[in-house]
Amino acid sequence: MSTLSMNGLGSGLDITSMVNALIQVEGLPQQQLQQTKLTDQSMITNLQIMNSKASSLATLATNLAMPSALNLYTVSSSSTAVTATAGTGASPGTVSVRFDQIAQTQVDVTAAMGGWPTDGSGAAAAVTFVDAAGKQTEATPASTSLDDVVAAINASGGPATAMKVAAGKDASGNPLYRLQLTAVKSGAGAAFTVYQGTAAQMTAGTAADLMTQPGAAVVTQAQDAQATLYAGTAAEQAVTSPSNTFSDIVPGLTAMATQAAVGQTVTFTIAGDNAGVEKQANSLVTSINDLLSNISQNTSVTTSINSTGGSSATGGLFTGNSTVRAVQDAITNALYMPTSNGKSPSDLGISIQQDGSFVFDQTKLDAAMTADSKGTIASLQEIASRVSAAAKNASDPTQGSLTSLIAGRQAEVAQLSDQISDWDTRLADRKDALMALFNAMDTSLGTLKAQQSWLTSQIAGLPTYSSSSSK
């Protein structure tokens, strides 16, 4: 509870300033706690940045260490009508393929009509689709409006979608329309038939096939794309695809054909993608340097010259921190130590510099890939696996060394916050006590001053006698 103060009414002294000065001195321990808390919060922020970089490195290295992750290939096509890509399952070599036809999406159009017909009850007739597997999908229009028919078909989730297309006018000048029905996918497996009537009527054989009505037509037949391997030989083999993308001609090879490819025999040449491997290795070195640079910035010691000519050294935020140093050493060792097959990372274009960072030489790795691509890839993946383990040990969400260090600092900040809060209460109570004490002293001093003034006035009122009057 705050004490009412007239601020030195009796003494004339500035009691509030005096008490505040005393509280400031007594609050020095709290100020030290606050400074420690700020330092810890700064450490937490920088540790979180460091941990994030270690986590990103762990993800990158883990992906590179996965089987076939560096089995990268390029593919060239002898025709611009066919493009191709090669995945990790591909193998070097050439293969020739004749493209016979491309995939088609079924498109039907109904006869021209002014409105949708009704069933025996006078309601709009149902529409039933049957897909290539025999599954029936029934759509029930809200009215005989063709817009409602389109809406019902599109909402049914069946094998085709619908749209209304203008088809001129009838003899009376009324507008006519067709329904264009398009399969939701290309290929023979997406073929459908469409009937006017319910699913039950279609099963009973009483529903009308809309494509048998006069003026209706199948504009485009459902069709798979087709290619032929070893055309004209005893080993001739047809390959089909529901789309114009063939993903099973040979393992790892994906080819995308256009209409212009029909009738062409196209040769694909698959080769190792050294540039792709080099790019991945460079990404690994770059990510490691990013983490090591962050650690170096926070652990380096700077020297400065003071005004008297002497020198002083200032450590970084994590200078001397054994956990951070251990992370730095683990990542560095994982990258520059030789591999189990005896290869030095420098032979792969990865070299350590005097400042502890690494430099990547693409030319060296290219030479190593040319000389022994299999062994070089195995060495790179072993290095990536070591880096992955070191980075995970640092950044694991539950057991990582950096994660644990962050958690420890956060717990310390929470404790410091409690202590600082306790000091707030303690200093407030102490201030109230000092104010009460000083106010009491001020009151007493005021009383004494009042008594002094009274005595002074009384003494001044006494009669005075001269020395001559006493004779």
Protein backbone atom coordinates (compact mmCIF):
# COMPACT_ATOMS: atom_id res chain seq x y z
CA MET A 1 0.00 0.00 0.00
CA SER A 2 1.42 3.41 -0.95
CA THR A 3 2.11 5.92 1.85
CA LEU A 4 0.71 9.49 1.49
CA SER A 5 3.57 11.98 1.45
CA MET A 6 3.56 15.75 1.56
CA ASN A 7 7.17 15.51 0.28
CA GLY A 8 9.08 17.25 3.10
CA LEU A 9 6.43 19.64 4.32
CA GLY A 10 8.01 19.67 7.74
CA SER A 11 11.66 19.49 6.78
CA GLY A 12 11.68 21.10 3.37
CA LEU A 13 13.55 18.09 1.97
CA ASP A 14 12.60 16.24 -1.28
CA ILE A 15 11.70 12.97 0.41
CA THR A 16 10.43 11.29 -2.79
CA SER A 17 13.74 11.80 -4.60
CA MET A 18 15.67 10.56 -1.58
CA VAL A 19 13.57 7.39 -1.32
CA ASN A 20 13.76 6.75 -5.09
CA ALA A 21 17.54 7.03 -4.92
CA LEU A 22 17.69 4.52 -2.09
CA ILE A 23 15.36 2.14 -3.94
CA GLN A 24 17.52 2.42 -7.03
CA VAL A 25 20.54 1.32 -5.01
CA GLU A 26 18.64 -1.49 -3.29
CA GLY A 27 17.29 -2.59 -6.71
CA LEU A 28 20.72 -3.26 -8.19
CA PRO A 29 20.29 -7.05 -7.81
CA GLN A 30 17.06 -6.82 -9.80
CA GLN A 31 18.83 -4.87 -12.54
CA GLN A 32 21.43 -7.62 -12.72
CA LEU A 33 18.65 -10.20 -13.07
CA GLN A 34 17.06 -8.14 -15.85
CA GLN A 35 20.37 -7.92 -17.72
CA THR A 36 20.89 -11.67 -17.37
CA LYS A 37 17.39 -12.23 -18.73
CA LEU A 38 18.08 -10.01 -21.76
CA THR A 39 21.29 -11.92 -22.43
CA ASP A 40 19.48 -15.24 -22.20
CA GLN A 41 16.73 -14.04 -24.52
CA SER A 42 19.33 -12.95 -27.05
CA MET A 43 20.99 -16.35 -26.76
CA ILE A 44 17.65 -18.11 -27.29
CA THR A 45 16.92 -16.09 -30.44
CA ASN A 46 20.35 -16.85 -31.91
CA LEU A 47 20.18 -20.51 -30.87
CA GLN A 48 16.81 -20.84 -32.60
CA ILE A 49 18.31 -19.40 -35.79
CA MET A 50 21.24 -21.81 -35.50
CA ASN A 51 18.89 -24.73 -34.80
CA SER A 52 16.77 -23.86 -37.83
CA LYS A 53 19.84 -23.92 -40.06
CA ALA A 54 20.90 -27.27 -38.59
CA SER A 55 17.40 -28.67 -39.18
CA SER A 56 17.41 -27.51 -42.82
CA LEU A 57 20.84 -29.10 -43.28
CA ALA A 58 19.58 -32.35 -41.75
CA THR A 59 16.66 -32.49 -44.18
CA LEU A 60 18.87 -31.78 -47.20
CA ALA A 61 21.53 -34.29 -46.19
CA THR A 62 18.95 -36.96 -45.36
CA ASN A 63 17.38 -36.61 -48.80
CA LEU A 64 20.78 -36.85 -50.50
CA ALA A 65 21.66 -39.98 -48.52
CA MET A 66 18.52 -41.83 -49.61
CA PRO A 67 19.05 -44.76 -52.03
CA SER A 68 19.16 -43.63 -55.68
CA ALA A 69 18.91 -39.95 -54.66
CA LEU A 70 22.01 -39.18 -56.73
CA ASN A 71 21.28 -41.65 -59.51
CA LEU A 72 20.39 -38.74 -61.76
CA TYR A 73 20.02 -38.95 -65.51
CA THR A 74 19.32 -36.78 -68.50
CA VAL A 75 17.46 -37.91 -71.61
CA SER A 76 17.43 -36.56 -75.15
CA SER A 77 14.76 -37.17 -77.79
CA SER A 78 15.39 -37.41 -81.52
CA SER A 79 12.06 -35.66 -82.21
CA THR A 80 10.68 -32.35 -81.02
CA ALA A 81 7.24 -33.97 -81.13
CA VAL A 82 8.11 -36.02 -78.04
CA THR A 83 9.66 -34.71 -74.81
CA ALA A 84 11.08 -36.97 -72.15
CA THR A 85 12.45 -37.02 -68.61
CA ALA A 86 14.51 -39.63 -66.78
CA GLY A 87 14.02 -40.47 -63.11
CA THR A 88 16.30 -42.14 -60.58
CA GLY A 89 15.22 -45.60 -61.75
CA ALA A 90 16.58 -45.09 -65.25
CA SER A 91 19.70 -46.68 -66.74
CA PRO A 92 22.14 -45.30 -69.32
CA GLY A 93 21.42 -46.40 -72.88
CA THR A 94 19.21 -45.81 -75.92
CA VAL A 95 15.77 -47.05 -76.88
CA SER A 96 13.65 -46.45 -80.01
CA VAL A 97 9.87 -46.26 -79.94
CA ARG A 98 7.29 -45.89 -82.74
CA PHE A 99 4.28 -43.78 -81.76
CA ASP A 100 1.10 -45.11 -83.35
CA GLN A 101 -1.69 -42.98 -81.90
CA ILE A 102 -2.33 -40.42 -79.21
CA ALA A 103 -4.94 -40.58 -76.46
CA GLN A 104 -8.39 -39.12 -76.99
CA THR A 105 -11.11 -37.93 -74.64
CA GLN A 106 -14.63 -39.04 -75.52
CA VAL A 107 -16.97 -36.25 -76.59
CA ASP A 108 -20.71 -36.85 -77.32
CA VAL A 109 -23.34 -34.36 -78.47
CA THR A 110 -27.08 -34.89 -78.20
CA ALA A 111 -29.67 -34.09 -80.82
CA ALA A 112 -30.77 -30.45 -81.00
CA MET A 113 -33.63 -29.64 -78.64
CA GLY A 114 -35.49 -26.71 -77.16
CA GLY A 115 -35.93 -28.29 -73.75
CA TRP A 116 -35.39 -31.53 -71.92
CA PRO A 117 -38.09 -34.20 -72.28
CA THR A 118 -40.32 -35.36 -69.42
CA ASP A 119 -41.00 -38.81 -68.04
CA GLY A 120 -44.41 -40.43 -67.68
CA SER A 121 -45.23 -38.34 -64.60
CA GLY A 122 -44.55 -35.05 -66.31
CA ALA A 123 -41.29 -34.43 -64.40
CA ALA A 124 -37.98 -33.90 -66.14
CA ALA A 125 -36.57 -37.21 -67.34
CA ALA A 126 -33.53 -38.58 -65.52
CA VAL A 127 -30.11 -39.01 -67.19
CA THR A 128 -28.03 -42.12 -66.53
CA PHE A 129 -24.36 -42.63 -67.38
CA VAL A 130 -22.60 -45.99 -67.53
CA ASP A 131 -18.80 -45.95 -67.43
CA ALA A 132 -16.38 -48.47 -68.93
CA ALA A 133 -16.49 -50.57 -65.76
CA GLY A 134 -20.29 -50.75 -65.80
CA LYS A 135 -20.87 -48.31 -62.93
CA GLN A 136 -24.13 -46.36 -63.23
CA THR A 137 -24.53 -42.70 -62.29
CA GLU A 138 -27.98 -41.15 -62.31
CA ALA A 139 -28.68 -37.40 -62.55
CA THR A 140 -32.14 -35.94 -61.91
CA PRO A 141 -32.73 -32.42 -63.34
CA ALA A 142 -34.78 -29.97 -61.29
CA SER A 143 -36.80 -29.01 -64.40
CA THR A 144 -36.86 -29.43 -68.16
CA SER A 145 -34.56 -26.41 -68.53
CA LEU A 146 -31.34 -27.49 -70.22
CA ASP A 147 -29.44 -25.35 -67.70
CA ASP A 148 -30.88 -27.52 -64.92
CA VAL A 149 -29.92 -30.65 -66.85
CA VAL A 150 -26.34 -29.39 -67.18
CA ALA A 151 -26.22 -28.54 -63.49
CA ALA A 152 -27.55 -31.97 -62.47
CA ILE A 153 -25.05 -33.84 -64.66
CA ASN A 154 -22.09 -31.79 -63.43
CA ALA A 155 -23.12 -32.29 -59.81
CA SER A 156 -23.58 -36.06 -60.15
CA GLY A 157 -19.87 -36.94 -60.12
CA GLY A 158 -20.35 -39.22 -63.11
CA PRO A 159 -17.88 -40.07 -65.89
CA ALA A 160 -18.72 -36.97 -67.98
CA THR A 161 -19.40 -33.27 -67.67
CA ALA A 162 -21.99 -31.32 -69.65
CA MET A 163 -22.29 -27.96 -71.33
CA LYS A 164 -25.05 -26.33 -73.39
CA VAL A 165 -24.15 -25.46 -77.01
CA ALA A 166 -26.27 -23.36 -79.39
CA ALA A 167 -27.75 -25.36 -82.31
CA GLY A 168 -29.74 -22.77 -84.32
CA LYS A 169 -33.51 -22.32 -84.27
CA ASP A 170 -36.56 -24.43 -85.01
CA ALA A 171 -39.16 -23.66 -87.68
CA SER A 172 -40.93 -21.29 -85.30
CA GLY A 173 -37.77 -19.35 -84.57
CA ASN A 174 -37.25 -20.78 -81.10
CA PRO A 175 -33.61 -21.37 -80.11
CA LEU A 176 -32.29 -24.92 -80.11
CA TYR A 177 -29.38 -26.35 -78.10
CA ARG A 178 -27.34 -29.52 -77.83
CA LEU A 179 -25.76 -30.99 -74.74
CA GLN A 180 -22.05 -31.64 -75.19
CA LEU A 181 -20.90 -34.43 -72.91
CA THR A 182 -17.16 -34.76 -72.30
CA ALA A 183 -15.43 -37.56 -70.41
CA VAL A 184 -13.65 -36.39 -67.27
CA LYS A 185 -10.48 -38.26 -68.36
CA SER A 186 -8.84 -39.35 -71.57
CA GLY A 187 -8.29 -42.94 -72.63
CA ALA A 188 -10.37 -46.01 -73.41
CA GLY A 189 -10.94 -46.66 -69.73
CA ALA A 190 -12.86 -43.39 -69.46
CA ALA A 191 -15.44 -44.29 -72.13
CA PHE A 192 -19.12 -43.94 -71.26
CA THR A 193 -22.64 -44.36 -72.60
CA VAL A 194 -25.52 -42.05 -71.72
CA TYR A 195 -29.23 -42.79 -71.48
CA GLN A 196 -32.45 -40.85 -71.08
CA GLY A 197 -34.11 -42.54 -68.13
CA THR A 198 -33.37 -43.81 -64.66
CA ALA A 199 -30.73 -46.39 -63.78
CA ALA A 200 -33.50 -48.92 -63.21
CA GLN A 201 -34.96 -48.21 -66.66
CA MET A 202 -31.53 -48.54 -68.21
CA THR A 203 -31.04 -51.91 -66.54
CA ALA A 204 -34.49 -53.00 -67.69
CA GLY A 205 -33.69 -51.94 -71.24
CA THR A 206 -36.38 -49.28 -71.43
CA ALA A 207 -34.08 -46.22 -71.27
CA ALA A 208 -33.13 -44.62 -74.59
CA ASP A 209 -29.49 -44.38 -75.64
CA LEU A 210 -29.11 -40.65 -76.37
CA MET A 211 -26.50 -41.28 -79.08
CA THR A 212 -28.96 -43.34 -81.15
CA GLN A 213 -31.34 -40.42 -81.55
CA PRO A 214 -31.34 -38.62 -84.93
CA GLY A 215 -28.83 -35.75 -84.94
CA ALA A 216 -26.82 -37.09 -81.99
CA ALA A 217 -23.19 -38.11 -82.49
CA VAL A 218 -20.06 -39.40 -80.83
CA VAL A 219 -17.67 -36.62 -81.88
CA THR A 220 -14.55 -38.17 -80.44
CA GLN A 221 -14.10 -41.79 -79.43
CA ALA A 222 -12.35 -42.65 -76.18
CA GLN A 223 -8.89 -43.92 -77.08
CA ASP A 224 -5.61 -44.85 -75.41
CA ALA A 225 -2.31 -43.58 -76.70
CA GLN A 226 -0.24 -46.39 -78.22
CA ALA A 227 3.41 -46.89 -79.03
CA THR A 228 5.40 -49.88 -80.28
CA LEU A 229 8.78 -51.15 -79.13
CA TYR A 230 10.97 -53.15 -81.52
CA ALA A 231 8.55 -52.50 -84.38
CA GLY A 232 8.84 -54.96 -87.29
CA THR A 233 10.66 -57.62 -85.29
CA ALA A 234 9.61 -60.81 -83.58
CA ALA A 235 9.89 -58.92 -80.27
CA GLU A 236 7.41 -56.22 -81.33
CA GLN A 237 5.56 -55.00 -78.26
CA ALA A 238 2.66 -52.54 -77.93
CA VAL A 239 2.62 -50.07 -75.05
CA THR A 240 -0.55 -48.15 -74.19
CA SER A 241 -1.35 -45.21 -71.94
CA PRO A 242 -4.67 -43.52 -71.07
CA SER A 243 -2.92 -40.19 -71.57
CA ASN A 244 -0.23 -38.97 -73.93
CA THR A 245 2.35 -39.54 -71.20
CA PHE A 246 4.05 -42.94 -71.29
CA SER A 247 5.70 -43.78 -67.97
CA ASP A 248 6.45 -47.46 -68.53
CA ILE A 249 8.29 -47.71 -71.83
CA VAL A 250 11.50 -48.46 -69.91
CA PRO A 251 12.04 -48.04 -66.14
CA GLY A 252 12.63 -44.41 -65.19
CA LEU A 253 11.81 -43.00 -68.66
CA THR A 254 8.72 -40.81 -69.07
CA ALA A 255 7.79 -39.64 -72.58
CA MET A 256 5.15 -37.05 -73.50
CA ALA A 257 3.88 -37.35 -77.10
CA THR A 258 1.98 -34.86 -79.25
CA GLN A 259 -0.14 -35.41 -82.37
CA ALA A 260 2.90 -34.71 -84.53
CA ALA A 261 4.62 -37.79 -83.10
CA VAL A 262 2.14 -40.23 -84.65
CA GLY A 263 3.94 -42.38 -87.22
CA GLN A 264 7.40 -41.37 -86.03
CA THR A 265 10.05 -43.65 -84.57
CA VAL A 266 11.76 -41.69 -81.83
CA THR A 267 15.09 -42.56 -80.23
CA PHE A 268 15.72 -41.69 -76.60
CA THR A 269 19.28 -41.46 -75.25
CA ILE A 270 19.71 -41.69 -71.47
CA ALA A 271 22.96 -40.57 -69.84
CA GLY A 272 24.19 -39.84 -66.33
CA ASP A 273 23.41 -36.31 -65.15
CA ASN A 274 26.75 -35.17 -63.76
CA ALA A 275 25.57 -31.56 -63.60
CA GLY A 276 22.63 -32.61 -61.44
CA VAL A 277 24.91 -34.47 -59.02
CA GLU A 278 27.26 -31.47 -58.88
CA LYS A 279 24.34 -29.19 -58.10
CA GLN A 280 23.26 -31.39 -55.20
CA ALA A 281 26.81 -31.55 -53.80
CA ASN A 282 27.14 -27.78 -54.05
CA SER A 283 23.82 -27.37 -52.20
CA LEU A 284 25.13 -29.56 -49.38
CA VAL A 285 28.36 -27.55 -49.05
CA THR A 286 26.44 -24.25 -49.19
CA SER A 287 24.07 -25.34 -46.42
CA ILE A 288 26.97 -26.50 -44.23
CA ASN A 289 28.80 -23.20 -44.76
CA ASP A 290 25.64 -21.33 -43.81
CA LEU A 291 25.50 -23.14 -40.45
CA LEU A 292 29.24 -22.92 -39.76
CA SER A 293 29.27 -19.23 -40.62
CA ASN A 294 26.48 -18.59 -38.12
CA ILE A 295 28.40 -20.47 -35.42
CA SER A 296 31.63 -18.62 -36.26
CA GLN A 297 29.95 -15.21 -36.02
CA ASN A 298 28.65 -16.04 -32.55
CA THR A 299 31.85 -17.60 -31.18
CA SER A 300 34.57 -15.37 -32.61
CA VAL A 301 36.68 -13.16 -30.30
CA THR A 302 37.28 -9.55 -31.35
CA THR A 303 40.23 -7.46 -30.16
CA SER A 304 40.07 -3.68 -29.78
CA ILE A 305 42.54 -0.95 -28.75
CA ASN A 306 41.44 1.30 -25.88
CA SER A 307 42.24 4.99 -25.32
CA THR A 308 45.42 4.20 -23.38
CA GLY A 309 46.81 2.05 -26.16
CA GLY A 310 46.04 -1.23 -24.46
CA SER A 311 44.11 -4.03 -26.09
CA SER A 312 40.99 -5.82 -24.92
CA ALA A 313 39.27 -8.95 -26.19
CA THR A 314 35.52 -9.45 -26.43
CA GLY A 315 34.01 -12.90 -26.86
CA GLY A 316 30.98 -13.74 -28.95
CA LEU A 317 27.60 -14.77 -27.59
CA PHE A 318 28.58 -18.47 -27.57
CA THR A 319 32.34 -18.20 -27.07
CA GLY A 320 33.33 -21.07 -24.80
CA ASN A 321 29.95 -22.79 -25.10
CA SER A 322 30.80 -26.50 -25.28
CA THR A 323 27.50 -27.51 -26.90
CA VAL A 324 27.86 -25.09 -29.80
CA ARG A 325 31.51 -26.04 -30.22
CA ALA A 326 30.55 -29.73 -30.32
CA VAL A 327 28.00 -29.06 -33.07
CA GLN A 328 30.61 -27.16 -35.08
CA ASP A 329 33.16 -29.97 -34.72
CA ALA A 330 30.65 -32.70 -35.58
CA ILE A 331 29.48 -31.01 -38.77
CA THR A 332 33.04 -30.21 -39.86
CA ASN A 333 34.29 -33.75 -39.23
CA ALA A 334 31.30 -35.25 -41.04
CA LEU A 335 32.18 -33.35 -44.21
CA TYR A 336 35.97 -33.46 -44.41
CA MET A 337 36.83 -36.92 -43.04
CA PRO A 338 37.69 -39.63 -45.65
CA THR A 339 35.01 -42.10 -46.70
CA SER A 340 35.02 -45.85 -46.09
CA ASN A 341 36.20 -46.53 -49.65
CA GLY A 342 39.28 -44.43 -49.01
CA LYS A 343 38.28 -41.33 -50.93
CA SER A 344 39.09 -37.91 -49.54
CA PRO A 345 36.35 -35.28 -49.88
CA SER A 346 38.96 -33.09 -51.59
CA ASP A 347 39.06 -35.67 -54.41
CA LEU A 348 35.33 -35.00 -54.82
CA GLY A 349 35.85 -31.23 -54.97
CA ILE A 350 35.11 -30.54 -51.29
CA SER A 351 37.99 -28.82 -49.45
CA ILE A 352 38.26 -27.13 -46.07
CA GLN A 353 39.75 -23.63 -45.79
CA GLN A 354 41.82 -21.99 -43.06
CA ASP A 355 38.78 -20.25 -41.57
CA GLY A 356 36.95 -23.56 -41.19
CA SER A 357 34.56 -23.05 -44.11
CA PHE A 358 34.41 -25.32 -47.15
CA VAL A 359 34.82 -24.63 -50.86
CA PHE A 360 33.31 -26.71 -53.68
CA ASP A 361 35.23 -27.35 -56.92
CA GLN A 362 32.81 -28.45 -59.62
CA THR A 363 35.63 -29.35 -62.02
CA LYS A 364 37.10 -31.88 -59.57
CA LEU A 365 33.75 -33.55 -58.95
CA ASP A 366 33.06 -33.69 -62.69
CA ALA A 367 36.39 -35.45 -63.21
CA ALA A 368 35.62 -37.89 -60.39
CA MET A 369 32.17 -38.63 -61.86
CA THR A 370 33.70 -39.25 -65.29
CA ALA A 371 36.34 -41.58 -63.87
CA ASP A 372 34.07 -43.53 -61.48
CA SER A 373 30.51 -42.32 -61.23
CA LYS A 374 29.29 -45.24 -59.09
CA GLY A 375 32.11 -44.94 -56.54
CA THR A 376 31.87 -41.13 -56.48
CA ILE A 377 28.12 -41.22 -55.84
CA ALA A 378 28.62 -43.79 -53.06
CA SER A 379 31.21 -41.51 -51.41
CA LEU A 380 28.96 -38.45 -51.67
CA GLN A 381 26.05 -40.34 -50.14
CA GLU A 382 28.23 -41.62 -47.30
CA ILE A 383 29.29 -38.04 -46.57
CA ALA A 384 25.65 -36.89 -46.76
CA SER A 385 24.67 -39.65 -44.33
CA ARG A 386 27.33 -38.52 -41.83
CA VAL A 387 26.26 -34.90 -42.14
CA SER A 388 22.62 -35.92 -41.71
CA ALA A 389 23.43 -37.74 -38.45
CA ALA A 390 25.46 -34.82 -37.07
CA ALA A 391 22.80 -32.26 -37.99
CA LYS A 392 20.01 -34.40 -36.53
CA ASN A 393 21.94 -34.83 -33.27
CA ALA A 394 21.97 -31.05 -33.02
CA SER A 395 18.45 -30.20 -34.16
CA ASP A 396 16.26 -33.17 -33.24
CA PRO A 397 13.00 -31.67 -31.85
CA THR A 398 13.14 -33.69 -28.63
CA GLN A 399 16.74 -34.80 -28.05
CA GLY A 400 18.87 -32.46 -30.14
CA SER A 401 21.75 -30.78 -28.32
CA LEU A 402 20.77 -27.32 -29.56
CA THR A 403 17.11 -28.03 -28.81
CA SER A 404 18.03 -28.99 -25.24
CA LEU A 405 20.20 -25.90 -24.87
CA ILE A 406 17.31 -23.71 -26.00
CA ALA A 407 14.94 -25.43 -23.57
CA GLY A 408 17.40 -24.89 -20.71
CA ARG A 409 17.73 -21.19 -21.48
CA GLN A 410 13.96 -20.82 -21.76
CA ALA A 411 13.55 -22.42 -18.33
CA GLU A 412 16.15 -20.03 -16.93
CA VAL A 413 14.33 -17.04 -18.44
CA ALA A 414 11.10 -18.21 -16.81
CA GLN A 415 12.86 -18.43 -13.43
CA LEU A 416 14.44 -15.01 -13.88
CA SER A 417 11.04 -13.54 -14.74
CA ASP A 418 9.64 -14.92 -11.47
CA GLN A 419 12.58 -13.52 -9.50
CA ILE A 420 12.25 -10.11 -11.16
CA SER A 421 8.55 -10.10 -10.34
CA ASP A 422 9.36 -10.95 -6.72
CA TRP A 423 11.80 -8.06 -6.63
CA ASP A 424 9.07 -5.72 -7.93
CA THR A 425 6.94 -6.64 -4.91
CA ARG A 426 9.87 -6.45 -2.51
CA LEU A 427 11.00 -3.02 -3.74
CA ALA A 428 7.45 -1.67 -3.69
CA ASP A 429 7.07 -2.77 -0.06
CA ARG A 430 10.48 -1.35 0.78
CA LYS A 431 9.59 1.97 -0.84
CA ASP A 432 6.38 2.17 1.16
CA ALA A 433 8.32 1.45 4.36
CA LEU A 434 10.93 4.10 3.59
CA MET A 435 8.29 6.66 2.69
CA ALA A 436 6.49 5.96 5.97
CA LEU A 437 9.76 6.27 7.92
CA PHE A 438 10.84 9.47 6.20
CA ASN A 439 7.38 10.98 6.55
CA ALA A 440 7.42 10.20 10.28
CA MET A 441 10.85 11.78 10.59
CA ASP A 442 9.63 14.75 8.57
CA THR A 443 6.63 15.12 10.87
CA SER A 444 8.85 14.97 13.96
CA LEU A 445 11.22 17.51 12.48
CA GLY A 446 8.29 19.74 11.66
CA THR A 447 7.12 19.47 15.30
CA LEU A 448 10.58 20.34 16.59
CA LYS A 449 10.77 23.30 14.24
CA ALA A 450 7.39 24.48 15.51
CA GLN A 451 8.59 24.17 19.12
CA GLN A 452 11.76 26.05 18.21
CA SER A 453 9.72 28.83 16.68
CA TRP A 454 7.53 29.06 19.82
CA LEU A 455 10.49 29.15 22.13
CA THR A 456 12.16 31.74 19.99
CA SER A 457 9.05 33.89 20.09
CA GLN A 458 8.75 33.48 23.86
CA ILE A 459 12.35 34.43 24.43
CA ALA A 460 11.94 37.42 22.18
CA GLY A 461 8.99 38.57 24.33
CA LEU A 462 10.90 38.67 27.58
CA PRO A 463 11.72 42.20 29.01
CA THR A 464 15.21 43.47 28.53
CA TYR A 465 17.26 45.20 31.21
CA SER A 466 20.16 47.54 30.76
CA SER A 467 23.17 47.54 33.09
CA SER A 468 22.55 51.17 34.21
CA SER A 469 19.08 50.57 35.60
CA SER A 470 20.42 48.14 38.17
CA LYS A 471 22.41 50.79 40.09
